[in-house]
Amino acid sequence: MASAEMSVRELMHLDAELARKQARQRLKTAGPQLDVPAASGNPALHVAAIYGVGRKLLAEVVIGSRSHIYMRGRALPVGGTASPSTYLLRGISGSCVHLERTGDSQTLCLRPSLWAAKP
């Protein structure tokens, strides 16, 4: 039984590590892009995906036209730097991601249509 648990943990660790590597690669190849503002002047935000389990959760959030990877327990996105315009991760709960920046707090949730069964 212990060996089965160990192999599941190893698989989860490998899956999370692969997701982090892919996120870093996407950030490197994306290059500098401008965020596309929504009608309010703020960039449009949505959750593209949430990966991992437990304390090893990663959330992929699209801000404007750029994809940002947030890791549970770290405020800044992977490869991000602190600035007044940077959204900081406040938490990941269930299918929702909680972000905050100066004077702006956002709760973004995965759309149910993303995991609904297709006919």
PDB file of N, CA and C in Angstrom:
ATOM      1  N   MET A   1       0.822  -1.196   0.000  1.00  0.00           N
ATOM      2  CA  MET A   1       0.000   0.000   0.000  1.00  0.00           C
ATOM      3  C   MET A   1       0.865   1.258   0.000  1.00  0.00           C
ATOM      4  N   ALA A   2       1.930   1.252   0.809  1.00  0.00           N
ATOM      5  CA  ALA A   2       2.795   2.429   0.886  1.00  0.00           C
ATOM      6  C   ALA A   2       3.463   2.712  -0.451  1.00  0.00           C
ATOM      7  N   SER A   3       3.845   1.649  -1.183  1.00  0.00           N
ATOM      8  CA  SER A   3       4.490   1.866  -2.480  1.00  0.00           C
ATOM      9  C   SER A   3       3.520   2.477  -3.478  1.00  0.00           C
ATOM     10  N   ALA A   4       2.227   2.120  -3.410  1.00  0.00           N
ATOM     11  CA  ALA A   4       1.222   2.709  -4.303  1.00  0.00           C
ATOM     12  C   ALA A   4       1.050   4.188  -3.992  1.00  0.00           C
ATOM     13  N   GLU A   5       1.018   4.554  -2.701  1.00  0.00           N
ATOM     14  CA  GLU A   5       0.912   5.959  -2.321  1.00  0.00           C
ATOM     15  C   GLU A   5       2.129   6.738  -2.796  1.00  0.00           C
ATOM     16  N   MET A   6       3.284   6.145  -2.670  1.00  0.00           N
ATOM     17  CA  MET A   6       4.505   6.806  -3.094  1.00  0.00           C
ATOM     18  C   MET A   6       4.466   7.067  -4.590  1.00  0.00           C
ATOM     19  N   SER A   7       4.027   6.108  -5.369  1.00  0.00           N
ATOM     20  CA  SER A   7       4.000   6.304  -6.814  1.00  0.00           C
ATOM     21  C   SER A   7       2.974   7.364  -7.210  1.00  0.00           C
ATOM     22  N   VAL A   8       1.847   7.444  -6.505  1.00  0.00           N
ATOM     23  CA  VAL A   8       0.861   8.486  -6.791  1.00  0.00           C
ATOM     24  C   VAL A   8       1.451   9.853  -6.465  1.00  0.00           C
ATOM     25  N   ARG A   9       2.123   9.954  -5.340  1.00  0.00           N
ATOM     26  CA  ARG A   9       2.761  11.225  -4.974  1.00  0.00           C
ATOM     27  C   ARG A   9       3.815  11.621  -5.998  1.00  0.00           C
ATOM     28  N   GLU A  10       4.595  10.652  -6.429  1.00  0.00           N
ATOM     29  CA  GLU A  10       5.617  10.941  -7.435  1.00  0.00           C
ATOM     30  C   GLU A  10       4.979  11.427  -8.726  1.00  0.00           C
ATOM     31  N   LEU A  11       3.893  10.786  -9.144  1.00  0.00           N
ATOM     32  CA  LEU A  11       3.194  11.219 -10.357  1.00  0.00           C
ATOM     33  C   LEU A  11       2.635  12.629 -10.202  1.00  0.00           C
ATOM     34  N   MET A  12       2.063  12.925  -9.035  1.00  0.00           N
ATOM     35  CA  MET A  12       1.532  14.270  -8.796  1.00  0.00           C
ATOM     36  C   MET A  12       2.660  15.298  -8.826  1.00  0.00           C
ATOM     37  N   HIS A  13       3.794  14.955  -8.225  1.00  0.00           N
ATOM     38  CA  HIS A  13       4.943  15.859  -8.220  1.00  0.00           C
ATOM     39  C   HIS A  13       5.436  16.096  -9.649  1.00  0.00           C
ATOM     40  N   LEU A  14       5.552  15.027 -10.425  1.00  0.00           N
ATOM     41  CA  LEU A  14       6.002  15.160 -11.813  1.00  0.00           C
ATOM     42  C   LEU A  14       5.022  15.989 -12.640  1.00  0.00           C
ATOM     43  N   ASP A  15       3.727  15.790 -12.421  1.00  0.00           N
ATOM     44  CA  ASP A  15       2.707  16.547 -13.142  1.00  0.00           C
ATOM     45  C   ASP A  15       2.799  18.036 -12.816  1.00  0.00           C
ATOM     46  N   ALA A  16       2.959  18.358 -11.535  1.00  0.00           N
ATOM     47  CA  ALA A  16       3.080  19.760 -11.132  1.00  0.00           C
ATOM     48  C   ALA A  16       4.358  20.379 -11.694  1.00  0.00           C
ATOM     49  N   GLU A  17       5.453  19.637 -11.663  1.00  0.00           N
ATOM     50  CA  GLU A  17       6.723  20.141 -12.199  1.00  0.00           C
ATOM     51  C   GLU A  17       6.618  20.385 -13.701  1.00  0.00           C
ATOM     52  N   LEU A  18       5.974  19.481 -14.421  1.00  0.00           N
ATOM     53  CA  LEU A  18       5.779  19.658 -15.858  1.00  0.00           C
ATOM     54  C   LEU A  18       4.939  20.903 -16.139  1.00  0.00           C
ATOM     55  N   ALA A  19       3.896  21.121 -15.359  1.00  0.00           N
ATOM     56  CA  ALA A  19       3.057  22.313 -15.541  1.00  0.00           C
ATOM     57  C   ALA A  19       3.866  23.581 -15.305  1.00  0.00           C
ATOM     58  N   ARG A  20       4.733  23.568 -14.285  1.00  0.00           N
ATOM     59  CA  ARG A  20       5.576  24.747 -14.023  1.00  0.00           C
ATOM     60  C   ARG A  20       6.539  24.998 -15.179  1.00  0.00           C
ATOM     61  N   LYS A  21       7.162  23.929 -15.695  1.00  0.00           N
ATOM     62  CA  LYS A  21       8.097  24.084 -16.816  1.00  0.00           C
ATOM     63  C   LYS A  21       7.390  24.621 -18.053  1.00  0.00           C
ATOM     64  N   GLN A  22       6.202  24.097 -18.332  1.00  0.00           N
ATOM     65  CA  GLN A  22       5.445  24.572 -19.488  1.00  0.00           C
ATOM     66  C   GLN A  22       5.050  26.032 -19.313  1.00  0.00           C
ATOM     67  N   ALA A  23       4.695  26.415 -18.099  1.00  0.00           N
ATOM     68  CA  ALA A  23       4.328  27.806 -17.838  1.00  0.00           C
ATOM     69  C   ALA A  23       5.525  28.724 -18.047  1.00  0.00           C
ATOM     70  N   ARG A  24       6.687  28.320 -17.546  1.00  0.00           N
ATOM     71  CA  ARG A  24       7.887  29.136 -17.739  1.00  0.00           C
ATOM     72  C   ARG A  24       8.217  29.277 -19.224  1.00  0.00           C
ATOM     73  N   GLN A  25       8.094  28.174 -19.971  1.00  0.00           N
ATOM     74  CA  GLN A  25       8.383  28.200 -21.403  1.00  0.00           C
ATOM     75  C   GLN A  25       7.422  29.134 -22.136  1.00  0.00           C
ATOM     76  N   ARG A  26       6.133  29.075 -21.777  1.00  0.00           N
ATOM     77  CA  ARG A  26       5.156  29.978 -22.409  1.00  0.00           C
ATOM     78  C   ARG A  26       5.495  31.432 -22.130  1.00  0.00           C
ATOM     79  N   LEU A  27       5.929  31.722 -20.895  1.00  0.00           N
ATOM     80  CA  LEU A  27       6.287  33.093 -20.552  1.00  0.00           C
ATOM     81  C   LEU A  27       7.508  33.554 -21.340  1.00  0.00           C
ATOM     82  N   LYS A  28       8.482  32.664 -21.529  1.00  0.00           N
ATOM     83  CA  LYS A  28       9.686  33.020 -22.286  1.00  0.00           C
ATOM     84  C   LYS A  28       9.375  33.278 -23.750  1.00  0.00           C
ATOM     85  N   THR A  29       8.541  32.432 -24.351  1.00  0.00           N
ATOM     86  CA  THR A  29       8.254  32.565 -25.781  1.00  0.00           C
ATOM     87  C   THR A  29       7.212  33.637 -26.074  1.00  0.00           C
ATOM     88  N   ALA A  30       6.430  34.040 -25.063  1.00  0.00           N
ATOM     89  CA  ALA A  30       5.387  35.042 -25.294  1.00  0.00           C
ATOM     90  C   ALA A  30       5.985  36.406 -25.606  1.00  0.00           C
ATOM     91  N   GLY A  31       7.108  36.723 -24.984  1.00  0.00           N
ATOM     92  CA  GLY A  31       7.720  38.024 -25.203  1.00  0.00           C
ATOM     93  C   GLY A  31       6.853  39.141 -24.653  1.00  0.00           C
ATOM     94  N   PRO A  32       7.318  40.378 -24.782  1.00  0.00           N
ATOM     95  CA  PRO A  32       6.539  41.496 -24.260  1.00  0.00           C
ATOM     96  C   PRO A  32       5.289  41.727 -25.098  1.00  0.00           C
ATOM     97  N   GLN A  33       4.159  41.817 -24.406  1.00  0.00           N
ATOM     98  CA  GLN A  33       2.889  42.115 -25.051  1.00  0.00           C
ATOM     99  C   GLN A  33       2.158  43.134 -24.203  1.00  0.00           C
ATOM    100  N   LEU A  34       1.317  43.879 -24.823  1.00  0.00           N
ATOM    101  CA  LEU A  34       0.503  44.837 -24.096  1.00  0.00           C
ATOM    102  C   LEU A  34      -0.792  44.166 -23.673  1.00  0.00           C
ATOM    103  N   ASP A  35      -1.252  44.470 -22.450  1.00  0.00           N
ATOM    104  CA  ASP A  35      -2.545  43.973 -22.012  1.00  0.00           C
ATOM    105  C   ASP A  35      -3.632  44.749 -22.732  1.00  0.00           C
ATOM    106  N   VAL A  36      -4.639  44.046 -23.204  1.00  0.00           N
ATOM    107  CA  VAL A  36      -5.742  44.682 -23.904  1.00  0.00           C
ATOM    108  C   VAL A  36      -6.758  45.119 -22.866  1.00  0.00           C
ATOM    109  N   PRO A  37      -7.038  46.428 -22.763  1.00  0.00           N
ATOM    110  CA  PRO A  37      -7.973  46.867 -21.734  1.00  0.00           C
ATOM    111  C   PRO A  37      -9.409  46.489 -22.062  1.00  0.00           C
ATOM    112  N   ALA A  38     -10.179  46.192 -21.022  1.00  0.00           N
ATOM    113  CA  ALA A  38     -11.610  45.974 -21.178  1.00  0.00           C
ATOM    114  C   ALA A  38     -12.273  47.342 -21.263  1.00  0.00           C
ATOM    115  N   ALA A  39     -13.576  47.377 -21.377  1.00  0.00           N
ATOM    116  CA  ALA A  39     -14.300  48.637 -21.522  1.00  0.00           C
ATOM    117  C   ALA A  39     -14.047  49.579 -20.349  1.00  0.00           C
ATOM    118  N   SER A  40     -13.804  49.048 -19.143  1.00  0.00           N
ATOM    119  CA  SER A  40     -13.591  49.883 -17.964  1.00  0.00           C
ATOM    120  C   SER A  40     -12.187  50.472 -17.904  1.00  0.00           C
ATOM    121  N   GLY A  41     -11.302  50.103 -18.828  1.00  0.00           N
ATOM    122  CA  GLY A  41      -9.925  50.581 -18.785  1.00  0.00           C
ATOM    123  C   GLY A  41      -8.997  49.588 -18.113  1.00  0.00           C
ATOM    124  N   ASN A  42      -9.545  48.579 -17.436  1.00  0.00           N
ATOM    125  CA  ASN A  42      -8.746  47.518 -16.834  1.00  0.00           C
ATOM    126  C   ASN A  42      -8.664  46.354 -17.807  1.00  0.00           C
ATOM    127  N   PRO A  43      -7.575  45.585 -17.765  1.00  0.00           N
ATOM    128  CA  PRO A  43      -7.485  44.439 -18.675  1.00  0.00           C
ATOM    129  C   PRO A  43      -8.560  43.402 -18.353  1.00  0.00           C
ATOM    130  N   ALA A  44      -9.034  42.715 -19.388  1.00  0.00           N
ATOM    131  CA  ALA A  44     -10.000  41.634 -19.192  1.00  0.00           C
ATOM    132  C   ALA A  44      -9.305  40.468 -18.496  1.00  0.00           C
ATOM    133  N   LEU A  45      -9.992  39.839 -17.550  1.00  0.00           N
ATOM    134  CA  LEU A  45      -9.420  38.747 -16.756  1.00  0.00           C
ATOM    135  C   LEU A  45     -10.292  37.505 -16.863  1.00  0.00           C
ATOM    136  N   HIS A  46      -9.658  36.327 -16.946  1.00  0.00           N
ATOM    137  CA  HIS A  46     -10.396  35.074 -16.789  1.00  0.00           C
ATOM    138  C   HIS A  46      -9.438  33.943 -16.431  1.00  0.00           C
ATOM    139  N   VAL A  47      -9.979  32.936 -15.762  1.00  0.00           N
ATOM    140  CA  VAL A  47      -9.201  31.753 -15.387  1.00  0.00           C
ATOM    141  C   VAL A  47      -9.241  30.785 -16.559  1.00  0.00           C
ATOM    142  N   ALA A  48      -8.068  30.424 -17.061  1.00  0.00           N
ATOM    143  CA  ALA A  48      -7.987  29.463 -18.158  1.00  0.00           C
ATOM    144  C   ALA A  48      -7.958  28.036 -17.620  1.00  0.00           C
ATOM    145  N   ALA A  49      -7.255  27.824 -16.479  1.00  0.00           N
ATOM    146  CA  ALA A  49      -7.140  26.471 -15.929  1.00  0.00           C
ATOM    147  C   ALA A  49      -6.599  26.524 -14.509  1.00  0.00           C
ATOM    148  N   ILE A  50      -6.884  25.466 -13.766  1.00  0.00           N
ATOM    149  CA  ILE A  50      -6.285  25.248 -12.449  1.00  0.00           C
ATOM    150  C   ILE A  50      -5.706  23.840 -12.481  1.00  0.00           C
ATOM    151  N   TYR A  51      -4.405  23.727 -12.165  1.00  0.00           N
ATOM    152  CA  TYR A  51      -3.682  22.455 -12.234  1.00  0.00           C
ATOM    153  C   TYR A  51      -3.244  22.029 -10.845  1.00  0.00           C
ATOM    154  N   GLY A  52      -3.050  20.732 -10.656  1.00  0.00           N
ATOM    155  CA  GLY A  52      -2.462  20.213  -9.430  1.00  0.00           C
ATOM    156  C   GLY A  52      -3.495  19.870  -8.378  1.00  0.00           C
ATOM    157  N   VAL A  53      -2.991  19.558  -7.169  1.00  0.00           N
ATOM    158  CA  VAL A  53      -3.845  19.205  -6.040  1.00  0.00           C
ATOM    159  C   VAL A  53      -3.248  19.770  -4.760  1.00  0.00           C
ATOM    160  N   GLY A  54      -4.094  19.949  -3.753  1.00  0.00           N
ATOM    161  CA  GLY A  54      -3.638  20.368  -2.433  1.00  0.00           C
ATOM    162  C   GLY A  54      -2.826  21.644  -2.454  1.00  0.00           C
ATOM    163  N   ARG A  55      -1.649  21.566  -1.853  1.00  0.00           N
ATOM    164  CA  ARG A  55      -0.789  22.746  -1.759  1.00  0.00           C
ATOM    165  C   ARG A  55      -0.016  23.021  -3.040  1.00  0.00           C
ATOM    166  N   LYS A  56      -0.094  22.129  -4.000  1.00  0.00           N
ATOM    167  CA  LYS A  56       0.651  22.257  -5.257  1.00  0.00           C
ATOM    168  C   LYS A  56      -0.246  22.747  -6.392  1.00  0.00           C
ATOM    169  N   LEU A  57      -1.160  23.657  -6.097  1.00  0.00           N
ATOM    170  CA  LEU A  57      -2.053  24.164  -7.135  1.00  0.00           C
ATOM    171  C   LEU A  57      -1.398  25.280  -7.929  1.00  0.00           C
ATOM    172  N   LEU A  58      -1.655  25.263  -9.216  1.00  0.00           N
ATOM    173  CA  LEU A  58      -1.232  26.322 -10.127  1.00  0.00           C
ATOM    174  C   LEU A  58      -2.482  26.837 -10.821  1.00  0.00           C
ATOM    175  N   ALA A  59      -2.592  28.138 -10.980  1.00  0.00           N
ATOM    176  CA  ALA A  59      -3.724  28.722 -11.696  1.00  0.00           C
ATOM    177  C   ALA A  59      -3.196  29.496 -12.890  1.00  0.00           C
ATOM    178  N   GLU A  60      -3.762  29.218 -14.056  1.00  0.00           N
ATOM    179  CA  GLU A  60      -3.412  29.966 -15.264  1.00  0.00           C
ATOM    180  C   GLU A  60      -4.498  31.014 -15.470  1.00  0.00           C
ATOM    181  N   VAL A  61      -4.100  32.283 -15.352  1.00  0.00           N
ATOM    182  CA  VAL A  61      -5.032  33.401 -15.470  1.00  0.00           C
ATOM    183  C   VAL A  61      -4.640  34.233 -16.683  1.00  0.00           C
ATOM    184  N   VAL A  62      -5.608  34.524 -17.531  1.00  0.00           N
ATOM    185  CA  VAL A  62      -5.357  35.370 -18.694  1.00  0.00           C
ATOM    186  C   VAL A  62      -5.745  36.791 -18.310  1.00  0.00           C
ATOM    187  N   ILE A  63      -4.760  37.683 -18.401  1.00  0.00           N
ATOM    188  CA  ILE A  63      -4.963  39.099 -18.100  1.00  0.00           C
ATOM    189  C   ILE A  63      -4.712  39.852 -19.393  1.00  0.00           C
ATOM    190  N   GLY A  64      -5.771  40.420 -19.951  1.00  0.00           N
ATOM    191  CA  GLY A  64      -5.660  41.033 -21.274  1.00  0.00           C
ATOM    192  C   GLY A  64      -5.400  39.939 -22.286  1.00  0.00           C
ATOM    193  N   SER A  65      -4.256  39.987 -22.935  1.00  0.00           N
ATOM    194  CA  SER A  65      -3.899  38.965 -23.927  1.00  0.00           C
ATOM    195  C   SER A  65      -2.788  38.043 -23.439  1.00  0.00           C
ATOM    196  N   ARG A  66      -2.330  38.239 -22.200  1.00  0.00           N
ATOM    197  CA  ARG A  66      -1.215  37.444 -21.672  1.00  0.00           C
ATOM    198  C   ARG A  66      -1.677  36.432 -20.643  1.00  0.00           C
ATOM    199  N   SER A  67      -1.042  35.282 -20.681  1.00  0.00           N
ATOM    200  CA  SER A  67      -1.313  34.227 -19.722  1.00  0.00           C
ATOM    201  C   SER A  67      -0.302  34.328 -18.580  1.00  0.00           C
ATOM    202  N   HIS A  68      -0.792  34.257 -17.341  1.00  0.00           N
ATOM    203  CA  HIS A  68       0.058  34.324 -16.150  1.00  0.00           C
ATOM    204  C   HIS A  68      -0.197  33.079 -15.314  1.00  0.00           C
ATOM    205  N   ILE A  69       0.867  32.492 -14.784  1.00  0.00           N
ATOM    206  CA  ILE A  69       0.757  31.307 -13.941  1.00  0.00           C
ATOM    207  C   ILE A  69       1.009  31.713 -12.491  1.00  0.00           C
ATOM    208  N   TYR A  70       0.031  31.433 -11.638  1.00  0.00           N
ATOM    209  CA  TYR A  70       0.144  31.709 -10.211  1.00  0.00           C
ATOM    210  C   TYR A  70       0.253  30.386  -9.467  1.00  0.00           C
ATOM    211  N   MET A  71       1.149  30.340  -8.477  1.00  0.00           N
ATOM    212  CA  MET A  71       1.331  29.152  -7.641  1.00  0.00           C
ATOM    213  C   MET A  71       0.750  29.435  -6.261  1.00  0.00           C
ATOM    214  N   ARG A  72      -0.032  28.486  -5.740  1.00  0.00           N
ATOM    215  CA  ARG A  72      -0.597  28.654  -4.398  1.00  0.00           C
ATOM    216  C   ARG A  72       0.537  28.924  -3.410  1.00  0.00           C
ATOM    217  N   GLY A  73       0.339  29.929  -2.565  1.00  0.00           N
ATOM    218  CA  GLY A  73       1.339  30.275  -1.564  1.00  0.00           C
ATOM    219  C   GLY A  73       2.311  31.353  -2.012  1.00  0.00           C
ATOM    220  N   ARG A  74       2.250  31.757  -3.290  1.00  0.00           N
ATOM    221  CA  ARG A  74       3.123  32.822  -3.805  1.00  0.00           C
ATOM    222  C   ARG A  74       2.260  33.912  -4.418  1.00  0.00           C
ATOM    223  N   ALA A  75       2.506  35.140  -4.016  1.00  0.00           N
ATOM    224  CA  ALA A  75       1.664  36.245  -4.471  1.00  0.00           C
ATOM    225  C   ALA A  75       1.899  36.600  -5.938  1.00  0.00           C
ATOM    226  N   LEU A  76       3.160  36.638  -6.352  1.00  0.00           N
ATOM    227  CA  LEU A  76       3.481  37.057  -7.721  1.00  0.00           C
ATOM    228  C   LEU A  76       3.329  35.909  -8.709  1.00  0.00           C
ATOM    229  N   PRO A  77       2.967  36.226  -9.944  1.00  0.00           N
ATOM    230  CA  PRO A  77       2.933  35.169 -10.963  1.00  0.00           C
ATOM    231  C   PRO A  77       4.353  34.681 -11.251  1.00  0.00           C
ATOM    232  N   VAL A  78       4.476  33.468 -11.792  1.00  0.00           N
ATOM    233  CA  VAL A  78       5.782  32.907 -12.138  1.00  0.00           C
ATOM    234  C   VAL A  78       6.473  33.860 -13.112  1.00  0.00           C
ATOM    235  N   GLY A  79       7.678  34.279 -12.770  1.00  0.00           N
ATOM    236  CA  GLY A  79       8.440  35.186 -13.623  1.00  0.00           C
ATOM    237  C   GLY A  79       8.007  36.635 -13.531  1.00  0.00           C
ATOM    238  N   GLY A  80       7.034  36.942 -12.684  1.00  0.00           N
ATOM    239  CA  GLY A  80       6.518  38.308 -12.565  1.00  0.00           C
ATOM    240  C   GLY A  80       7.312  39.141 -11.575  1.00  0.00           C
ATOM    241  N   THR A  81       7.181  40.449 -11.700  1.00  0.00           N
ATOM    242  CA  THR A  81       7.822  41.377 -10.773  1.00  0.00           C
ATOM    243  C   THR A  81       6.751  42.248 -10.127  1.00  0.00           C
ATOM    244  N   ALA A  82       7.041  42.704  -8.932  1.00  0.00           N
ATOM    245  CA  ALA A  82       6.079  43.522  -8.198  1.00  0.00           C
ATOM    246  C   ALA A  82       5.992  44.920  -8.794  1.00  0.00           C
ATOM    247  N   SER A  83       4.778  45.371  -9.033  1.00  0.00           N
ATOM    248  CA  SER A  83       4.509  46.740  -9.467  1.00  0.00           C
ATOM    249  C   SER A  83       3.062  47.045  -9.101  1.00  0.00           C
ATOM    250  N   PRO A  84       2.681  48.317  -9.081  1.00  0.00           N
ATOM    251  CA  PRO A  84       1.288  48.648  -8.734  1.00  0.00           C
ATOM    252  C   PRO A  84       0.261  48.028  -9.685  1.00  0.00           C
ATOM    253  N   SER A  85       0.659  47.722 -10.916  1.00  0.00           N
ATOM    254  CA  SER A  85      -0.292  47.158 -11.880  1.00  0.00           C
ATOM    255  C   SER A  85      -0.334  45.629 -11.870  1.00  0.00           C
ATOM    256  N   THR A  86       0.533  44.991 -11.078  1.00  0.00           N
ATOM    257  CA  THR A  86       0.588  43.529 -11.026  1.00  0.00           C
ATOM    258  C   THR A  86      -0.502  42.984 -10.115  1.00  0.00           C
ATOM    259  N   TYR A  87      -1.267  42.026 -10.624  1.00  0.00           N
ATOM    260  CA  TYR A  87      -2.238  41.330  -9.780  1.00  0.00           C
ATOM    261  C   TYR A  87      -1.496  40.333  -8.905  1.00  0.00           C
ATOM    262  N   LEU A  88      -1.811  40.336  -7.602  1.00  0.00           N
ATOM    263  CA  LEU A  88      -1.208  39.420  -6.635  1.00  0.00           C
ATOM    264  C   LEU A  88      -2.216  38.342  -6.266  1.00  0.00           C
ATOM    265  N   LEU A  89      -1.737  37.124  -6.136  1.00  0.00           N
ATOM    266  CA  LEU A  89      -2.601  36.011  -5.762  1.00  0.00           C
ATOM    267  C   LEU A  89      -2.898  36.077  -4.271  1.00  0.00           C
ATOM    268  N   ARG A  90      -4.175  36.057  -3.926  1.00  0.00           N
ATOM    269  CA  ARG A  90      -4.592  36.018  -2.524  1.00  0.00           C
ATOM    270  C   ARG A  90      -5.066  34.631  -2.131  1.00  0.00           C
ATOM    271  N   GLY A  91      -5.391  33.800  -3.132  1.00  0.00           N
ATOM    272  CA  GLY A  91      -5.784  32.434  -2.812  1.00  0.00           C
ATOM    273  C   GLY A  91      -6.412  31.716  -3.988  1.00  0.00           C
ATOM    274  N   ILE A  92      -6.436  30.393  -3.881  1.00  0.00           N
ATOM    275  CA  ILE A  92      -7.118  29.533  -4.844  1.00  0.00           C
ATOM    276  C   ILE A  92      -8.044  28.659  -4.014  1.00  0.00           C
ATOM    277  N   SER A  93      -9.335  28.712  -4.303  1.00  0.00           N
ATOM    278  CA  SER A  93     -10.294  27.903  -3.548  1.00  0.00           C
ATOM    279  C   SER A  93     -11.278  27.257  -4.512  1.00  0.00           C
ATOM    280  N   GLY A  94     -11.320  25.947  -4.474  1.00  0.00           N
ATOM    281  CA  GLY A  94     -12.210  25.231  -5.384  1.00  0.00           C
ATOM    282  C   GLY A  94     -11.857  25.545  -6.826  1.00  0.00           C
ATOM    283  N   SER A  95     -12.804  26.091  -7.562  1.00  0.00           N
ATOM    284  CA  SER A  95     -12.570  26.441  -8.962  1.00  0.00           C
ATOM    285  C   SER A  95     -12.393  27.943  -9.145  1.00  0.00           C
ATOM    286  N   CYS A  96     -12.066  28.657  -8.062  1.00  0.00           N
ATOM    287  CA  CYS A  96     -11.922  30.117  -8.126  1.00  0.00           C
ATOM    288  C   CYS A  96     -10.520  30.580  -7.725  1.00  0.00           C
ATOM    289  N   VAL A  97     -10.119  31.706  -8.301  1.00  0.00           N
ATOM    290  CA  VAL A  97      -8.830  32.331  -8.025  1.00  0.00           C
ATOM    291  C   VAL A  97      -9.115  33.737  -7.514  1.00  0.00           C
ATOM    292  N   HIS A  98      -8.461  34.116  -6.414  1.00  0.00           N
ATOM    293  CA  HIS A  98      -8.671  35.424  -5.809  1.00  0.00           C
ATOM    294  C   HIS A  98      -7.417  36.271  -6.031  1.00  0.00           C
ATOM    295  N   LEU A  99      -7.576  37.374  -6.761  1.00  0.00           N
ATOM    296  CA  LEU A  99      -6.465  38.267  -7.088  1.00  0.00           C
ATOM    297  C   LEU A  99      -6.732  39.648  -6.526  1.00  0.00           C
ATOM    298  N   GLU A 100      -5.638  40.398  -6.345  1.00  0.00           N
ATOM    299  CA  GLU A 100      -5.764  41.752  -5.821  1.00  0.00           C
ATOM    300  C   GLU A 100      -4.624  42.607  -6.344  1.00  0.00           C
ATOM    301  N   ARG A 101      -4.924  43.855  -6.598  1.00  0.00           N
ATOM    302  CA  ARG A 101      -3.888  44.854  -6.862  1.00  0.00           C
ATOM    303  C   ARG A 101      -4.397  46.163  -6.295  1.00  0.00           C
ATOM    304  N   THR A 102      -3.598  47.192  -6.330  1.00  0.00           N
ATOM    305  CA  THR A 102      -3.931  48.455  -5.703  1.00  0.00           C
ATOM    306  C   THR A 102      -5.364  48.876  -6.016  1.00  0.00           C
ATOM    307  N   GLY A 103      -6.212  48.874  -4.987  1.00  0.00           N
ATOM    308  CA  GLY A 103      -7.589  49.333  -5.128  1.00  0.00           C
ATOM    309  C   GLY A 103      -8.507  48.431  -5.932  1.00  0.00           C
ATOM    310  N   ASP A 104      -8.091  47.217  -6.253  1.00  0.00           N
ATOM    311  CA  ASP A 104      -8.905  46.336  -7.089  1.00  0.00           C
ATOM    312  C   ASP A 104      -8.774  44.898  -6.607  1.00  0.00           C
ATOM    313  N   SER A 105      -9.900  44.294  -6.255  1.00  0.00           N
ATOM    314  CA  SER A 105      -9.922  42.904  -5.821  1.00  0.00           C
ATOM    315  C   SER A 105     -10.817  42.122  -6.776  1.00  0.00           C
ATOM    316  N   GLN A 106     -10.350  40.962  -7.237  1.00  0.00           N
ATOM    317  CA  GLN A 106     -11.083  40.162  -8.221  1.00  0.00           C
ATOM    318  C   GLN A 106     -11.185  38.717  -7.749  1.00  0.00           C
ATOM    319  N   THR A 107     -12.349  38.122  -7.917  1.00  0.00           N
ATOM    320  CA  THR A 107     -12.528  36.687  -7.739  1.00  0.00           C
ATOM    321  C   THR A 107     -12.950  36.133  -9.086  1.00  0.00           C
ATOM    322  N   LEU A 108     -12.115  35.274  -9.649  1.00  0.00           N
ATOM    323  CA  LEU A 108     -12.345  34.701 -10.975  1.00  0.00           C
ATOM    324  C   LEU A 108     -12.576  33.211 -10.825  1.00  0.00           C
ATOM    325  N   CYS A 109     -13.595  32.693 -11.486  1.00  0.00           N
ATOM    326  CA  CYS A 109     -13.907  31.267 -11.383  1.00  0.00           C
ATOM    327  C   CYS A 109     -13.920  30.628 -12.764  1.00  0.00           C
ATOM    328  N   LEU A 110     -13.548  29.347 -12.799  1.00  0.00           N
ATOM    329  CA  LEU A 110     -13.645  28.595 -14.045  1.00  0.00           C
ATOM    330  C   LEU A 110     -15.101  28.550 -14.477  1.00  0.00           C
ATOM    331  N   ARG A 111     -15.329  28.626 -15.758  1.00  0.00           N
ATOM    332  CA  ARG A 111     -16.693  28.540 -16.275  1.00  0.00           C
ATOM    333  C   ARG A 111     -17.132  27.081 -16.267  1.00  0.00           C
ATOM    334  N   PRO A 112     -18.331  26.794 -15.783  1.00  0.00           N
ATOM    335  CA  PRO A 112     -18.812  25.405 -15.749  1.00  0.00           C
ATOM    336  C   PRO A 112     -18.782  24.736 -17.118  1.00  0.00           C
ATOM    337  N   SER A 113     -18.909  25.495 -18.182  1.00  0.00           N
ATOM    338  CA  SER A 113     -18.908  24.903 -19.524  1.00  0.00           C
ATOM    339  C   SER A 113     -17.575  24.237 -19.846  1.00  0.00           C
ATOM    340  N   LEU A 114     -16.504  24.605 -19.139  1.00  0.00           N
ATOM    341  CA  LEU A 114     -15.199  24.014 -19.405  1.00  0.00           C
ATOM    342  C   LEU A 114     -15.128  22.555 -18.971  1.00  0.00           C
ATOM    343  N   TRP A 115     -15.877  22.178 -17.942  1.00  0.00           N
ATOM    344  CA  TRP A 115     -15.810  20.795 -17.502  1.00  0.00           C
ATOM    345  C   TRP A 115     -17.123  20.033 -17.718  1.00  0.00           C
ATOM    346  N   ALA A 116     -18.102  20.669 -18.340  1.00  0.00           N
ATOM    347  CA  ALA A 116     -19.368  19.981 -18.626  1.00  0.00           C
ATOM    348  C   ALA A 116     -19.151  18.922 -19.703  1.00  0.00           C
ATOM    349  N   ALA A 117     -19.872  17.844 -19.599  1.00  0.00           N
ATOM    350  CA  ALA A 117     -19.753  16.757 -20.579  1.00  0.00           C
ATOM    351  C   ALA A 117     -20.272  17.222 -21.930  1.00  0.00           C
ATOM    352  N   LYS A 118     -19.535  16.889 -22.951  1.00  0.00           N
ATOM    353  CA  LYS A 118     -19.933  17.231 -24.321  1.00  0.00           C
ATOM    354  C   LYS A 118     -20.774  16.087 -24.883  1.00  0.00           C
ATOM    355  N   PRO A 119     -21.884  16.405 -25.600  1.00  0.00           N
ATOM    356  CA  PRO A 119     -22.714  15.334 -26.172  1.00  0.00           C
ATOM    357  C   PRO A 119     -22.017  14.630 -27.316  1.00  0.00           C
TER     358      PRO A 119
END
